Amino acid sequence: MERQRSQLPAYVLKRIQESQKELIERAERHLSLSQHGFRVAVLVPEMTEVIFDSEWCRLKIRILHAGPDPRDGELYIYYARLHAPNEEPYMMWNGEQCHCWHSSHYRLACFLEGYAPIDAVSKSWDSLPVIGIYWQSEEGSRLRRDDPVEFGFKLKALIWERYGQRLFDLFDLRHPELWEQYRAWLKACYIAEGRNEAEDEKKGFVPYYRVC
């Protein structure tokens, strides 16, 4: 496990380390990380953020709190292939700058459900199987309002339960054919949305279909 260095005061670091420990415990409780082969790889300094690695892919979990009220919390979960750097969101791959950390559970779910690109771009998050049911459920509605972090963990647990190993295999460097299918599907979505690559690049955006 890697613990990166920080220049923060000791008492602040202690508080961050305690929050990272809590993050790990909550992630294990909801996602059963060890059973899925994930281990703690990096404790990111100065943030409530932890990177986990498995033989298939990387997983980054970040919790942001604007204050002590759980209603002010936010959960972010990102996936990456094993060649991704710890912090950089982009990397050069086959001569192109590409997204290497991926947080769009919506696009991943649509791809794994087998939706055609033209259908995927017209669907809403809460219309997806299982996900939409929980989103609109009494518990889901309550947690979205009162404890967004808990809601996020429970929703991601449902995603893992539905897609299981198929989700992790998609990021596995040993299955490049799956990744190329996903890249081609993303590009078809990008075109179906009427996006313009030159305009995105002019604005400083990396087109979302460029993934690695």
C-alpha atoms as a PDB file:
ATOM      1  CA  MET A   1       0.000   0.000   0.000  1.00  0.00           C
ATOM      2  CA  GLU A   2       1.259   3.452  -0.916  1.00  0.00           C
ATOM      3  CA  ARG A   3       0.721   6.431   1.385  1.00  0.00           C
ATOM      4  CA  GLN A   4       1.691   9.603  -0.451  1.00  0.00           C
ATOM      5  CA  ARG A   5       3.368  12.432   1.446  1.00  0.00           C
ATOM      6  CA  SER A   6       1.661  15.615   2.585  1.00  0.00           C
ATOM      7  CA  GLN A   7       2.714  18.952   4.081  1.00  0.00           C
ATOM      8  CA  LEU A   8      -0.452  19.409   6.137  1.00  0.00           C
ATOM      9  CA  PRO A   9      -0.292  19.765   9.939  1.00  0.00           C
ATOM     10  CA  ALA A  10      -0.300  16.514  11.904  1.00  0.00           C
ATOM     11  CA  TYR A  11      -3.760  17.022  13.415  1.00  0.00           C
ATOM     12  CA  VAL A  12      -5.285  17.604   9.966  1.00  0.00           C
ATOM     13  CA  LEU A  13      -3.539  14.529   8.575  1.00  0.00           C
ATOM     14  CA  LYS A  14      -4.868  12.467  11.469  1.00  0.00           C
ATOM     15  CA  ARG A  15      -8.414  13.591  10.695  1.00  0.00           C
ATOM     16  CA  ILE A  16      -7.967  12.733   7.017  1.00  0.00           C
ATOM     17  CA  GLN A  17      -6.523   9.310   7.888  1.00  0.00           C
ATOM     18  CA  GLU A  18      -9.523   8.627  10.110  1.00  0.00           C
ATOM     19  CA  SER A  19     -11.899   9.591   7.294  1.00  0.00           C
ATOM     20  CA  GLN A  20      -9.983   7.346   4.876  1.00  0.00           C
ATOM     21  CA  LYS A  21     -10.300   4.457   7.321  1.00  0.00           C
ATOM     22  CA  GLU A  22     -14.048   5.093   7.521  1.00  0.00           C
ATOM     23  CA  LEU A  23     -14.246   5.196   3.718  1.00  0.00           C
ATOM     24  CA  ILE A  24     -12.521   1.818   3.463  1.00  0.00           C
ATOM     25  CA  GLU A  25     -14.866   0.316   6.045  1.00  0.00           C
ATOM     26  CA  ARG A  26     -17.987   1.666   4.333  1.00  0.00           C
ATOM     27  CA  ALA A  27     -16.791   0.538   0.910  1.00  0.00           C
ATOM     28  CA  GLU A  28     -16.072  -2.950   2.244  1.00  0.00           C
ATOM     29  CA  ARG A  29     -19.448  -3.115   3.959  1.00  0.00           C
ATOM     30  CA  HIS A  30     -21.421  -2.088   0.884  1.00  0.00           C
ATOM     31  CA  LEU A  31     -19.306  -3.405  -1.986  1.00  0.00           C
ATOM     32  CA  SER A  32     -17.478  -6.390  -0.415  1.00  0.00           C
ATOM     33  CA  LEU A  33     -14.257  -5.187  -2.019  1.00  0.00           C
ATOM     34  CA  SER A  34     -12.062  -7.980  -0.683  1.00  0.00           C
ATOM     35  CA  GLN A  35     -14.451 -10.625  -2.018  1.00  0.00           C
ATOM     36  CA  HIS A  36     -14.185  -8.975  -5.428  1.00  0.00           C
ATOM     37  CA  GLY A  37     -10.387  -9.088  -5.261  1.00  0.00           C
ATOM     38  CA  PHE A  38      -9.728  -5.421  -4.485  1.00  0.00           C
ATOM     39  CA  ARG A  39      -7.033  -4.307  -2.054  1.00  0.00           C
ATOM     40  CA  VAL A  40      -6.011  -0.865  -0.840  1.00  0.00           C
ATOM     41  CA  ALA A  41      -3.270   0.439  -3.139  1.00  0.00           C
ATOM     42  CA  VAL A  42      -2.975   4.187  -2.488  1.00  0.00           C
ATOM     43  CA  LEU A  43      -4.094   6.506   0.302  1.00  0.00           C
ATOM     44  CA  VAL A  44      -4.331   9.844  -1.452  1.00  0.00           C
ATOM     45  CA  PRO A  45      -2.891  12.692   0.656  1.00  0.00           C
ATOM     46  CA  GLU A  46      -4.993  15.604   1.847  1.00  0.00           C
ATOM     47  CA  MET A  47      -8.268  14.033   0.678  1.00  0.00           C
ATOM     48  CA  THR A  48     -10.792  11.423   1.736  1.00  0.00           C
ATOM     49  CA  GLU A  49      -9.809   9.346  -1.253  1.00  0.00           C
ATOM     50  CA  VAL A  50      -8.514   5.804  -1.613  1.00  0.00           C
ATOM     51  CA  ILE A  51      -7.413   3.841  -4.679  1.00  0.00           C
ATOM     52  CA  PHE A  52      -7.982   0.085  -4.762  1.00  0.00           C
ATOM     53  CA  ASP A  53      -6.432  -2.358  -7.224  1.00  0.00           C
ATOM     54  CA  SER A  54      -7.478  -5.817  -8.361  1.00  0.00           C
ATOM     55  CA  GLU A  55      -6.155  -8.120 -11.055  1.00  0.00           C
ATOM     56  CA  TRP A  56      -8.811  -6.698 -13.409  1.00  0.00           C
ATOM     57  CA  CYS A  57      -8.911  -2.960 -12.845  1.00  0.00           C
ATOM     58  CA  ARG A  58      -8.426   0.004 -10.536  1.00  0.00           C
ATOM     59  CA  LEU A  59     -11.087   1.635  -8.382  1.00  0.00           C
ATOM     60  CA  LYS A  60     -10.960   5.144  -6.923  1.00  0.00           C
ATOM     61  CA  ILE A  61     -13.406   6.171  -4.208  1.00  0.00           C
ATOM     62  CA  ARG A  62     -13.663   9.764  -3.019  1.00  0.00           C
ATOM     63  CA  ILE A  63     -15.954  11.292  -0.425  1.00  0.00           C
ATOM     64  CA  LEU A  64     -16.397  15.051  -0.191  1.00  0.00           C
ATOM     65  CA  HIS A  65     -18.065  16.736   2.766  1.00  0.00           C
ATOM     66  CA  ALA A  66     -18.942  20.425   2.826  1.00  0.00           C
ATOM     67  CA  GLY A  67     -19.645  20.130   6.565  1.00  0.00           C
ATOM     68  CA  PRO A  68     -20.705  17.732   9.318  1.00  0.00           C
ATOM     69  CA  ASP A  69     -24.243  17.367   7.945  1.00  0.00           C
ATOM     70  CA  PRO A  70     -24.489  14.081   5.953  1.00  0.00           C
ATOM     71  CA  ARG A  71     -26.800  15.868   3.519  1.00  0.00           C
ATOM     72  CA  ASP A  72     -23.762  17.842   2.324  1.00  0.00           C
ATOM     73  CA  GLY A  73     -21.727  14.761   1.386  1.00  0.00           C
ATOM     74  CA  GLU A  74     -20.906  13.530  -2.116  1.00  0.00           C
ATOM     75  CA  LEU A  75     -19.582  10.150  -3.251  1.00  0.00           C
ATOM     76  CA  TYR A  76     -17.490   9.691  -6.381  1.00  0.00           C
ATOM     77  CA  ILE A  77     -16.454   6.301  -7.754  1.00  0.00           C
ATOM     78  CA  TYR A  78     -14.132   5.939 -10.739  1.00  0.00           C
ATOM     79  CA  TYR A  79     -12.865   2.897 -12.651  1.00  0.00           C
ATOM     80  CA  ALA A  80      -9.619   2.577 -14.576  1.00  0.00           C
ATOM     81  CA  ARG A  81      -7.545   0.017 -16.383  1.00  0.00           C
ATOM     82  CA  LEU A  82      -4.367  -1.044 -14.633  1.00  0.00           C
ATOM     83  CA  HIS A  83      -2.147   1.226 -16.730  1.00  0.00           C
ATOM     84  CA  ALA A  84      -3.832   4.406 -15.403  1.00  0.00           C
ATOM     85  CA  PRO A  85      -1.770   6.790 -13.232  1.00  0.00           C
ATOM     86  CA  ASN A  86      -2.978   7.472  -9.713  1.00  0.00           C
ATOM     87  CA  GLU A  87      -4.176  11.052 -10.115  1.00  0.00           C
ATOM     88  CA  GLU A  88      -4.044  12.199 -13.732  1.00  0.00           C
ATOM     89  CA  PRO A  89      -7.461  11.977 -15.420  1.00  0.00           C
ATOM     90  CA  TYR A  90      -5.855  11.705 -18.887  1.00  0.00           C
ATOM     91  CA  MET A  91      -2.966   9.843 -20.446  1.00  0.00           C
ATOM     92  CA  MET A  92      -1.471   9.460 -23.923  1.00  0.00           C
ATOM     93  CA  TRP A  93      -2.561   6.207 -25.531  1.00  0.00           C
ATOM     94  CA  ASN A  94      -1.910   5.246 -29.155  1.00  0.00           C
ATOM     95  CA  GLY A  95      -0.867   8.833 -29.871  1.00  0.00           C
ATOM     96  CA  GLU A  96      -4.037  10.430 -28.453  1.00  0.00           C
ATOM     97  CA  GLN A  97      -4.898  12.094 -25.175  1.00  0.00           C
ATOM     98  CA  CYS A  98      -7.542   9.885 -23.584  1.00  0.00           C
ATOM     99  CA  HIS A  99      -9.681   9.666 -20.461  1.00  0.00           C
ATOM    100  CA  CYS A 100      -8.170   7.005 -18.197  1.00  0.00           C
ATOM    101  CA  TRP A 101     -10.453   7.303 -15.134  1.00  0.00           C
ATOM    102  CA  HIS A 102     -14.131   6.706 -15.790  1.00  0.00           C
ATOM    103  CA  SER A 103     -17.083   7.732 -13.647  1.00  0.00           C
ATOM    104  CA  SER A 104     -20.043   7.495 -16.033  1.00  0.00           C
ATOM    105  CA  HIS A 105     -21.987   4.602 -14.560  1.00  0.00           C
ATOM    106  CA  TYR A 106     -24.796   5.612 -16.897  1.00  0.00           C
ATOM    107  CA  ARG A 107     -22.791   4.924 -20.070  1.00  0.00           C
ATOM    108  CA  LEU A 108     -21.273   1.763 -18.619  1.00  0.00           C
ATOM    109  CA  ALA A 109     -24.709   0.455 -17.659  1.00  0.00           C
ATOM    110  CA  CYS A 110     -26.199   1.251 -21.078  1.00  0.00           C
ATOM    111  CA  PHE A 111     -23.326  -0.552 -22.816  1.00  0.00           C
ATOM    112  CA  LEU A 112     -23.571  -3.615 -20.585  1.00  0.00           C
ATOM    113  CA  GLU A 113     -27.346  -3.693 -21.073  1.00  0.00           C
ATOM    114  CA  GLY A 114     -26.735  -3.869 -24.807  1.00  0.00           C
ATOM    115  CA  TYR A 115     -28.531  -0.646 -25.741  1.00  0.00           C
ATOM    116  CA  ALA A 116     -27.945   0.703 -29.217  1.00  0.00           C
ATOM    117  CA  PRO A 117     -26.144   4.080 -29.129  1.00  0.00           C
ATOM    118  CA  ILE A 118     -29.183   5.913 -30.516  1.00  0.00           C
ATOM    119  CA  ASP A 119     -31.276   4.501 -27.667  1.00  0.00           C
ATOM    120  CA  ALA A 120     -28.639   5.106 -24.992  1.00  0.00           C
ATOM    121  CA  VAL A 121     -28.385   8.825 -25.684  1.00  0.00           C
ATOM    122  CA  SER A 122     -32.140   9.281 -25.239  1.00  0.00           C
ATOM    123  CA  LYS A 123     -32.515   7.388 -21.948  1.00  0.00           C
ATOM    124  CA  SER A 124     -32.441   8.882 -18.483  1.00  0.00           C
ATOM    125  CA  TRP A 125     -30.502   7.520 -15.515  1.00  0.00           C
ATOM    126  CA  ASP A 126     -33.642   6.556 -13.629  1.00  0.00           C
ATOM    127  CA  SER A 127     -34.982   4.537 -16.587  1.00  0.00           C
ATOM    128  CA  LEU A 128     -32.243   1.904 -16.362  1.00  0.00           C
ATOM    129  CA  PRO A 129     -33.097  -1.559 -14.969  1.00  0.00           C
ATOM    130  CA  VAL A 130     -32.667  -2.016 -11.199  1.00  0.00           C
ATOM    131  CA  ILE A 131     -31.000   1.399 -10.927  1.00  0.00           C
ATOM    132  CA  GLY A 132     -34.193   3.234 -11.796  1.00  0.00           C
ATOM    133  CA  ILE A 133     -36.224   1.121  -9.386  1.00  0.00           C
ATOM    134  CA  TYR A 134     -33.964   1.999  -6.465  1.00  0.00           C
ATOM    135  CA  TRP A 135     -33.683   5.638  -7.548  1.00  0.00           C
ATOM    136  CA  GLN A 136     -37.437   6.017  -7.348  1.00  0.00           C
ATOM    137  CA  SER A 137     -37.960   3.803  -4.286  1.00  0.00           C
ATOM    138  CA  GLU A 138     -38.923   5.219  -0.896  1.00  0.00           C
ATOM    139  CA  GLU A 139     -35.500   4.382   0.574  1.00  0.00           C
ATOM    140  CA  GLY A 140     -33.647   5.705  -2.453  1.00  0.00           C
ATOM    141  CA  SER A 141     -35.558   8.978  -2.437  1.00  0.00           C
ATOM    142  CA  ARG A 142     -34.986   9.423   1.291  1.00  0.00           C
ATOM    143  CA  LEU A 143     -31.237   8.717   1.121  1.00  0.00           C
ATOM    144  CA  ARG A 144     -30.733  10.953  -1.901  1.00  0.00           C
ATOM    145  CA  ARG A 145     -32.096  13.757   0.232  1.00  0.00           C
ATOM    146  CA  ASP A 146     -30.692  12.891   3.681  1.00  0.00           C
ATOM    147  CA  ASP A 147     -27.438  11.001   3.054  1.00  0.00           C
ATOM    148  CA  PRO A 148     -26.162  11.150  -0.560  1.00  0.00           C
ATOM    149  CA  VAL A 149     -22.997   9.181   0.296  1.00  0.00           C
ATOM    150  CA  GLU A 150     -24.981   6.253   1.701  1.00  0.00           C
ATOM    151  CA  PHE A 151     -27.293   6.431  -1.298  1.00  0.00           C
ATOM    152  CA  GLY A 152     -24.297   6.343  -3.634  1.00  0.00           C
ATOM    153  CA  PHE A 153     -22.794   3.272  -1.986  1.00  0.00           C
ATOM    154  CA  LYS A 154     -26.110   1.397  -2.077  1.00  0.00           C
ATOM    155  CA  LEU A 155     -26.703   2.312  -5.707  1.00  0.00           C
ATOM    156  CA  LYS A 156     -23.207   1.187  -6.726  1.00  0.00           C
ATOM    157  CA  ALA A 157     -23.756  -2.079  -4.846  1.00  0.00           C
ATOM    158  CA  LEU A 158     -26.839  -2.687  -7.002  1.00  0.00           C
ATOM    159  CA  ILE A 159     -24.798  -1.942 -10.132  1.00  0.00           C
ATOM    160  CA  TRP A 160     -22.147  -4.453  -9.070  1.00  0.00           C
ATOM    161  CA  GLU A 161     -24.808  -7.014  -8.237  1.00  0.00           C
ATOM    162  CA  ARG A 162     -26.395  -6.670 -11.657  1.00  0.00           C
ATOM    163  CA  TYR A 163     -23.303  -6.564 -13.841  1.00  0.00           C
ATOM    164  CA  GLY A 164     -20.794  -8.405 -11.657  1.00  0.00           C
ATOM    165  CA  GLN A 165     -17.658  -9.672 -13.319  1.00  0.00           C
ATOM    166  CA  ARG A 166     -18.736  -8.307 -16.705  1.00  0.00           C
ATOM    167  CA  LEU A 167     -18.069  -4.785 -15.414  1.00  0.00           C
ATOM    168  CA  PHE A 168     -14.551  -5.617 -14.227  1.00  0.00           C
ATOM    169  CA  ASP A 169     -13.708  -7.652 -17.343  1.00  0.00           C
ATOM    170  CA  LEU A 170     -14.484  -4.629 -19.503  1.00  0.00           C
ATOM    171  CA  PHE A 171     -11.525  -2.781 -17.918  1.00  0.00           C
ATOM    172  CA  ASP A 172      -9.198  -5.795 -17.958  1.00  0.00           C
ATOM    173  CA  LEU A 173      -6.092  -5.177 -20.090  1.00  0.00           C
ATOM    174  CA  ARG A 174      -6.152  -8.873 -20.934  1.00  0.00           C
ATOM    175  CA  HIS A 175      -9.397  -8.341 -22.896  1.00  0.00           C
ATOM    176  CA  PRO A 176      -8.569  -5.552 -25.365  1.00  0.00           C
ATOM    177  CA  GLU A 177     -11.356  -6.700 -27.695  1.00  0.00           C
ATOM    178  CA  LEU A 178     -13.972  -5.764 -25.070  1.00  0.00           C
ATOM    179  CA  TRP A 179     -12.442  -2.344 -24.616  1.00  0.00           C
ATOM    180  CA  GLU A 180     -12.383  -1.704 -28.370  1.00  0.00           C
ATOM    181  CA  GLN A 181     -16.078  -2.606 -28.526  1.00  0.00           C
ATOM    182  CA  TYR A 182     -16.762  -0.102 -25.758  1.00  0.00           C
ATOM    183  CA  ARG A 183     -14.698   2.621 -27.485  1.00  0.00           C
ATOM    184  CA  ALA A 184     -16.563   2.069 -30.765  1.00  0.00           C
ATOM    185  CA  TRP A 185     -19.908   2.160 -28.925  1.00  0.00           C
ATOM    186  CA  LEU A 186     -18.963   5.420 -27.165  1.00  0.00           C
ATOM    187  CA  LYS A 187     -17.964   7.012 -30.464  1.00  0.00           C
ATOM    188  CA  ALA A 188     -21.315   6.002 -31.960  1.00  0.00           C
ATOM    189  CA  CYS A 189     -23.054   7.646 -28.966  1.00  0.00           C
ATOM    190  CA  TYR A 190     -20.919  10.753 -29.442  1.00  0.00           C
ATOM    191  CA  ILE A 191     -21.961  10.983 -33.095  1.00  0.00           C
ATOM    192  CA  ALA A 192     -25.618  10.270 -32.260  1.00  0.00           C
ATOM    193  CA  GLU A 193     -25.571  13.226 -29.862  1.00  0.00           C
ATOM    194  CA  GLY A 194     -24.414  15.488 -32.687  1.00  0.00           C
ATOM    195  CA  ARG A 195     -21.181  16.334 -30.906  1.00  0.00           C
ATOM    196  CA  ASN A 196     -18.325  17.927 -32.849  1.00  0.00           C
ATOM    197  CA  GLU A 197     -14.811  16.774 -32.037  1.00  0.00           C
ATOM    198  CA  ALA A 198     -13.111  19.903 -33.380  1.00  0.00           C
ATOM    199  CA  GLU A 199     -15.374  22.149 -31.307  1.00  0.00           C
ATOM    200  CA  ASP A 200     -14.793  20.096 -28.159  1.00  0.00           C
ATOM    201  CA  GLU A 201     -11.036  20.253 -28.626  1.00  0.00           C
ATOM    202  CA  LYS A 202     -11.205  23.992 -29.277  1.00  0.00           C
ATOM    203  CA  LYS A 203     -12.919  24.372 -25.883  1.00  0.00           C
ATOM    204  CA  GLY A 204     -10.202  22.265 -24.253  1.00  0.00           C
ATOM    205  CA  PHE A 205     -12.346  19.136 -23.864  1.00  0.00           C
ATOM    206  CA  VAL A 206     -11.145  15.633 -24.640  1.00  0.00           C
ATOM    207  CA  PRO A 207     -14.019  13.923 -26.526  1.00  0.00           C
ATOM    208  CA  TYR A 208     -15.600  11.443 -24.133  1.00  0.00           C
ATOM    209  CA  TYR A 209     -15.240   8.513 -26.513  1.00  0.00           C
ATOM    210  CA  ARG A 210     -11.448   8.729 -26.314  1.00  0.00           C
ATOM    211  CA  VAL A 211     -10.910   6.282 -23.462  1.00  0.00           C
ATOM    212  CA  CYS A 212      -8.004   4.079 -22.553  1.00  0.00           C
END
